Amino acid sequence: MAVALEGGGLHTPVIRSAEVKSLSEISNEMRDLAERARSKRLRRTNIKGRHRHLQSRHVRHR
């Protein structure tokens, strides 16, 4: 998850224990974290921890 901030910048809050949460719980937590990121109310614990890096690969179509 990544949240774009006004004026530039990007926060990547961590959703902890996602593997044991329902999609509804994850969705609610994502909304809450996004709102806190935009209002600059994230705590360090919200952005630190285990994470995975995702990379998008550009595919050229002929």
C-alpha atoms as a PDB file:
ATOM      1  CA  MET A   1       0.000   0.000   0.000  1.00  0.00           C
ATOM      2  CA  ALA A   2       1.234   3.482  -0.812  1.00  0.00           C
ATOM      3  CA  VAL A   3      -0.384   6.859  -0.158  1.00  0.00           C
ATOM      4  CA  ALA A   4       0.472   9.921  -2.283  1.00  0.00           C
ATOM      5  CA  LEU A   5       0.692  13.128  -0.295  1.00  0.00           C
ATOM      6  CA  GLU A   6      -0.314  16.613  -1.375  1.00  0.00           C
ATOM      7  CA  GLY A   7       2.728  18.599  -2.375  1.00  0.00           C
ATOM      8  CA  GLY A   8       4.623  15.426  -3.243  1.00  0.00           C
ATOM      9  CA  GLY A   9       5.858  12.492  -1.294  1.00  0.00           C
ATOM     10  CA  LEU A  10       4.723   8.975  -0.724  1.00  0.00           C
ATOM     11  CA  HIS A  11       4.043   7.051   2.479  1.00  0.00           C
ATOM     12  CA  THR A  12       3.942   3.270   2.599  1.00  0.00           C
ATOM     13  CA  PRO A  13       2.116   2.237   5.765  1.00  0.00           C
ATOM     14  CA  VAL A  14       2.348  -1.389   6.865  1.00  0.00           C
ATOM     15  CA  ILE A  15      -0.742  -3.549   7.313  1.00  0.00           C
ATOM     16  CA  ARG A  16       0.300  -5.929  10.047  1.00  0.00           C
ATOM     17  CA  SER A  17      -0.890  -9.545  10.249  1.00  0.00           C
ATOM     18  CA  ALA A  18      -2.761  -9.229   6.964  1.00  0.00           C
ATOM     19  CA  GLU A  19      -2.603 -13.002   6.519  1.00  0.00           C
ATOM     20  CA  VAL A  20      -5.047 -13.532   9.395  1.00  0.00           C
ATOM     21  CA  LYS A  21      -7.417 -10.639   8.635  1.00  0.00           C
ATOM     22  CA  SER A  22     -10.514 -10.713   6.496  1.00  0.00           C
ATOM     23  CA  LEU A  23     -10.698  -8.571   3.350  1.00  0.00           C
ATOM     24  CA  SER A  24     -13.157  -6.333   5.156  1.00  0.00           C
ATOM     25  CA  GLU A  25     -10.721  -5.778   8.040  1.00  0.00           C
ATOM     26  CA  ILE A  26      -7.860  -5.058   5.631  1.00  0.00           C
ATOM     27  CA  SER A  27     -10.032  -2.635   3.665  1.00  0.00           C
ATOM     28  CA  ASN A  28     -11.037  -0.748   6.820  1.00  0.00           C
ATOM     29  CA  GLU A  29      -7.440  -0.587   8.012  1.00  0.00           C
ATOM     30  CA  MET A  30      -6.266   0.652   4.606  1.00  0.00           C
ATOM     31  CA  ARG A  31      -8.830   3.479   4.691  1.00  0.00           C
ATOM     32  CA  ASP A  32      -7.768   4.442   8.211  1.00  0.00           C
ATOM     33  CA  LEU A  33      -4.044   4.365   7.378  1.00  0.00           C
ATOM     34  CA  ALA A  34      -4.577   6.389   4.179  1.00  0.00           C
ATOM     35  CA  GLU A  35      -6.504   9.073   6.054  1.00  0.00           C
ATOM     36  CA  ARG A  36      -3.874   9.238   8.802  1.00  0.00           C
ATOM     37  CA  ALA A  37      -1.097   9.445   6.189  1.00  0.00           C
ATOM     38  CA  ARG A  38      -2.811  12.331   4.388  1.00  0.00           C
ATOM     39  CA  SER A  39      -3.385  14.211   7.653  1.00  0.00           C
ATOM     40  CA  LYS A  40       0.211  13.479   8.761  1.00  0.00           C
ATOM     41  CA  ARG A  41      -0.893  11.492  11.813  1.00  0.00           C
ATOM     42  CA  LEU A  42       0.947   8.226  11.095  1.00  0.00           C
ATOM     43  CA  ARG A  43       3.092   6.785  13.849  1.00  0.00           C
ATOM     44  CA  ARG A  44       6.489   5.210  13.256  1.00  0.00           C
ATOM     45  CA  THR A  45       4.973   1.818  14.003  1.00  0.00           C
ATOM     46  CA  ASN A  46       2.612   2.358  11.054  1.00  0.00           C
ATOM     47  CA  ILE A  47       5.460   2.666   8.575  1.00  0.00           C
ATOM     48  CA  LYS A  48       8.140   0.393  10.034  1.00  0.00           C
ATOM     49  CA  GLY A  49       8.264  -3.347  10.021  1.00  0.00           C
ATOM     50  CA  ARG A  50       8.308  -6.259   7.687  1.00  0.00           C
ATOM     51  CA  HIS A  51       7.383  -5.423   4.164  1.00  0.00           C
ATOM     52  CA  ARG A  52       7.680  -6.682   0.654  1.00  0.00           C
ATOM     53  CA  HIS A  53       8.767  -4.677  -2.314  1.00  0.00           C
ATOM     54  CA  LEU A  54       6.623  -4.887  -5.413  1.00  0.00           C
ATOM     55  CA  GLN A  55       7.916  -3.834  -8.741  1.00  0.00           C
ATOM     56  CA  SER A  56       5.981  -3.329 -11.885  1.00  0.00           C
ATOM     57  CA  ARG A  57       7.657  -4.398 -15.068  1.00  0.00           C
ATOM     58  CA  HIS A  58       6.968  -2.503 -18.232  1.00  0.00           C
ATOM     59  CA  VAL A  59       5.860  -4.751 -21.043  1.00  0.00           C
ATOM     60  CA  ARG A  60       6.169  -3.598 -24.608  1.00  0.00           C
ATOM     61  CA  HIS A  61       3.353  -4.606 -26.901  1.00  0.00           C
ATOM     62  CA  ARG A  62       4.036  -5.009 -30.600  1.00  0.00           C
END
